[in-house]
Amino acid sequence: MEFVSNVYLVDHKKVIQCNIRDITQRKRIEEERRKLTNDLQDALAKIKRLRGLLPICASCKKIRDDKGYWNQLETYIQEHSEAEFSHGFCPECMKNLYGVILEQDTDSKKQ
């Protein structure tokens, strides 16, 4: 409840006006706004974790964390975001890694 009172002079007499208002809905809306603000701040904090420069090894692609430890790229990103990884090979790597095997398989199918 909200209680507001004012004193007025009417014909040189003091008059008190009182207003009483139910503020249940306003308090509910304020609480929802506070919760949404907190949720947004939490979301922004998570987003900020992946901003800026990430120290990454030019050779193995490991990322150095704030404590100085080197982590696999996938591990670091999974721990600092909601991303998940699935693995496969691009055509170039497939050829580089398994080119001979793929050629032998193709040759055996031709015979």
C-alpha atoms as a PDB file:
ATOM      1  CA  MET A   1       0.000   0.000   0.000  1.00  0.00           C
ATOM      2  CA  GLU A   2       1.052   3.554  -0.655  1.00  0.00           C
ATOM      3  CA  PHE A   3      -0.154   6.333   1.595  1.00  0.00           C
ATOM      4  CA  VAL A   4       0.135   9.985   0.540  1.00  0.00           C
ATOM      5  CA  SER A   5      -1.165  12.920   2.529  1.00  0.00           C
ATOM      6  CA  ASN A   6      -1.213  16.652   1.877  1.00  0.00           C
ATOM      7  CA  VAL A   7      -2.227  19.591   4.012  1.00  0.00           C
ATOM      8  CA  TYR A   8      -4.117  22.474   2.425  1.00  0.00           C
ATOM      9  CA  LEU A   9      -5.508  25.731   3.686  1.00  0.00           C
ATOM     10  CA  VAL A  10      -9.177  26.153   2.930  1.00  0.00           C
ATOM     11  CA  ASP A  11     -10.867  29.286   4.346  1.00  0.00           C
ATOM     12  CA  HIS A  12      -7.950  29.686   6.740  1.00  0.00           C
ATOM     13  CA  LYS A  13      -8.444  26.163   8.040  1.00  0.00           C
ATOM     14  CA  LYS A  14      -6.046  23.265   7.614  1.00  0.00           C
ATOM     15  CA  VAL A  15      -7.472  20.376   5.621  1.00  0.00           C
ATOM     16  CA  ILE A  16      -5.727  17.054   5.248  1.00  0.00           C
ATOM     17  CA  GLN A  17      -6.211  15.044   2.094  1.00  0.00           C
ATOM     18  CA  CYS A  18      -5.187  11.383   2.252  1.00  0.00           C
ATOM     19  CA  ASN A  19      -4.823   8.961  -0.642  1.00  0.00           C
ATOM     20  CA  ILE A  20      -4.326   5.243  -0.169  1.00  0.00           C
ATOM     21  CA  ARG A  21      -3.385   3.217  -3.206  1.00  0.00           C
ATOM     22  CA  ASP A  22      -2.816  -0.517  -3.799  1.00  0.00           C
ATOM     23  CA  ILE A  23       0.625  -0.805  -5.409  1.00  0.00           C
ATOM     24  CA  THR A  24       0.776  -4.607  -5.678  1.00  0.00           C
ATOM     25  CA  GLN A  25       0.865  -4.549  -9.481  1.00  0.00           C
ATOM     26  CA  ARG A  26       3.516  -1.815  -9.567  1.00  0.00           C
ATOM     27  CA  LYS A  27       5.725  -3.802  -7.150  1.00  0.00           C
ATOM     28  CA  ARG A  28       5.271  -6.941  -9.271  1.00  0.00           C
ATOM     29  CA  ILE A  29       6.307  -5.043 -12.417  1.00  0.00           C
ATOM     30  CA  GLU A  30       9.316  -3.519 -10.617  1.00  0.00           C
ATOM     31  CA  GLU A  31      10.413  -7.004  -9.490  1.00  0.00           C
ATOM     32  CA  GLU A  32      10.046  -8.362 -13.042  1.00  0.00           C
ATOM     33  CA  ARG A  33      12.092  -5.437 -14.363  1.00  0.00           C
ATOM     34  CA  ARG A  34      14.784  -6.063 -11.748  1.00  0.00           C
ATOM     35  CA  LYS A  35      14.941  -9.759 -12.681  1.00  0.00           C
ATOM     36  CA  LEU A  36      15.121  -8.978 -16.411  1.00  0.00           C
ATOM     37  CA  THR A  37      17.881  -6.449 -15.777  1.00  0.00           C
ATOM     38  CA  ASN A  38      19.875  -9.038 -13.819  1.00  0.00           C
ATOM     39  CA  ASP A  39      19.327 -11.653 -16.545  1.00  0.00           C
ATOM     40  CA  LEU A  40      20.524  -9.206 -19.201  1.00  0.00           C
ATOM     41  CA  GLN A  41      23.583  -8.272 -17.147  1.00  0.00           C
ATOM     42  CA  ASP A  42      24.422 -11.966 -16.731  1.00  0.00           C
ATOM     43  CA  ALA A  43      24.026 -12.527 -20.472  1.00  0.00           C
ATOM     44  CA  LEU A  44      26.233  -9.530 -21.249  1.00  0.00           C
ATOM     45  CA  ALA A  45      28.875 -10.786 -18.842  1.00  0.00           C
ATOM     46  CA  LYS A  46      28.963 -14.102 -20.703  1.00  0.00           C
ATOM     47  CA  ILE A  47      29.212 -12.366 -24.052  1.00  0.00           C
ATOM     48  CA  LYS A  48      32.029 -10.125 -22.831  1.00  0.00           C
ATOM     49  CA  ARG A  49      34.079 -13.161 -21.877  1.00  0.00           C
ATOM     50  CA  LEU A  50      34.773 -13.861 -25.542  1.00  0.00           C
ATOM     51  CA  ARG A  51      35.570 -10.285 -26.531  1.00  0.00           C
ATOM     52  CA  GLY A  52      38.980  -8.805 -26.972  1.00  0.00           C
ATOM     53  CA  LEU A  53      42.236 -10.459 -27.888  1.00  0.00           C
ATOM     54  CA  LEU A  54      42.682 -14.173 -27.326  1.00  0.00           C
ATOM     55  CA  PRO A  55      46.310 -15.326 -27.125  1.00  0.00           C
ATOM     56  CA  ILE A  56      46.440 -18.292 -29.519  1.00  0.00           C
ATOM     57  CA  CYS A  57      49.400 -20.454 -30.517  1.00  0.00           C
ATOM     58  CA  ALA A  58      50.224 -19.981 -34.195  1.00  0.00           C
ATOM     59  CA  SER A  59      51.120 -23.657 -34.519  1.00  0.00           C
ATOM     60  CA  CYS A  60      48.801 -25.830 -32.411  1.00  0.00           C
ATOM     61  CA  LYS A  61      45.960 -23.266 -32.028  1.00  0.00           C
ATOM     62  CA  LYS A  62      45.743 -23.650 -28.238  1.00  0.00           C
ATOM     63  CA  ILE A  63      44.428 -20.595 -26.373  1.00  0.00           C
ATOM     64  CA  ARG A  64      46.086 -19.203 -23.234  1.00  0.00           C
ATOM     65  CA  ASP A  65      43.558 -18.488 -20.462  1.00  0.00           C
ATOM     66  CA  ASP A  66      43.689 -15.763 -17.802  1.00  0.00           C
ATOM     67  CA  LYS A  67      45.646 -18.082 -15.502  1.00  0.00           C
ATOM     68  CA  GLY A  68      48.359 -18.684 -18.095  1.00  0.00           C
ATOM     69  CA  TYR A  69      47.316 -22.242 -18.984  1.00  0.00           C
ATOM     70  CA  TRP A  70      47.086 -23.368 -22.602  1.00  0.00           C
ATOM     71  CA  ASN A  71      43.781 -24.976 -23.593  1.00  0.00           C
ATOM     72  CA  GLN A  72      42.528 -26.684 -26.712  1.00  0.00           C
ATOM     73  CA  LEU A  73      40.534 -24.211 -28.814  1.00  0.00           C
ATOM     74  CA  GLU A  74      37.344 -26.270 -28.546  1.00  0.00           C
ATOM     75  CA  THR A  75      37.657 -26.637 -24.768  1.00  0.00           C
ATOM     76  CA  TYR A  76      38.204 -22.918 -24.245  1.00  0.00           C
ATOM     77  CA  ILE A  77      35.239 -21.891 -26.404  1.00  0.00           C
ATOM     78  CA  GLN A  78      32.921 -24.467 -24.809  1.00  0.00           C
ATOM     79  CA  GLU A  79      33.848 -23.212 -21.329  1.00  0.00           C
ATOM     80  CA  HIS A  80      33.358 -19.547 -22.252  1.00  0.00           C
ATOM     81  CA  SER A  81      30.217 -19.774 -24.365  1.00  0.00           C
ATOM     82  CA  GLU A  82      27.262 -22.002 -25.069  1.00  0.00           C
ATOM     83  CA  ALA A  83      28.815 -23.317 -28.276  1.00  0.00           C
ATOM     84  CA  GLU A  84      29.330 -27.031 -28.836  1.00  0.00           C
ATOM     85  CA  PHE A  85      31.534 -28.694 -31.420  1.00  0.00           C
ATOM     86  CA  SER A  86      31.208 -31.596 -33.786  1.00  0.00           C
ATOM     87  CA  HIS A  87      34.253 -32.692 -35.730  1.00  0.00           C
ATOM     88  CA  GLY A  88      34.815 -33.646 -39.327  1.00  0.00           C
ATOM     89  CA  PHE A  89      37.312 -32.954 -42.099  1.00  0.00           C
ATOM     90  CA  CYS A  90      37.262 -30.287 -44.748  1.00  0.00           C
ATOM     91  CA  PRO A  91      37.942 -31.611 -48.290  1.00  0.00           C
ATOM     92  CA  GLU A  92      41.537 -30.320 -48.276  1.00  0.00           C
ATOM     93  CA  CYS A  93      42.409 -32.028 -44.978  1.00  0.00           C
ATOM     94  CA  MET A  94      40.616 -35.200 -46.045  1.00  0.00           C
ATOM     95  CA  LYS A  95      42.823 -35.313 -49.154  1.00  0.00           C
ATOM     96  CA  ASN A  96      46.009 -34.494 -47.183  1.00  0.00           C
ATOM     97  CA  LEU A  97      45.320 -37.061 -44.467  1.00  0.00           C
ATOM     98  CA  TYR A  98      43.634 -39.861 -46.390  1.00  0.00           C
ATOM     99  CA  GLY A  99      44.424 -39.113 -50.037  1.00  0.00           C
ATOM    100  CA  VAL A 100      46.377 -42.316 -50.628  1.00  0.00           C
ATOM    101  CA  ILE A 101      43.698 -44.441 -48.989  1.00  0.00           C
ATOM    102  CA  LEU A 102      40.927 -42.689 -50.920  1.00  0.00           C
ATOM    103  CA  GLU A 103      42.834 -43.161 -54.193  1.00  0.00           C
ATOM    104  CA  GLN A 104      43.381 -46.863 -53.440  1.00  0.00           C
ATOM    105  CA  ASP A 105      39.691 -47.257 -52.589  1.00  0.00           C
ATOM    106  CA  THR A 106      38.701 -45.524 -55.847  1.00  0.00           C
ATOM    107  CA  ASP A 107      41.152 -47.703 -57.820  1.00  0.00           C
ATOM    108  CA  SER A 108      39.829 -50.914 -56.241  1.00  0.00           C
ATOM    109  CA  LYS A 109      36.242 -49.932 -57.097  1.00  0.00           C
ATOM    110  CA  LYS A 110      37.250 -49.408 -60.738  1.00  0.00           C
ATOM    111  CA  GLN A 111      38.565 -52.995 -61.039  1.00  0.00           C
END
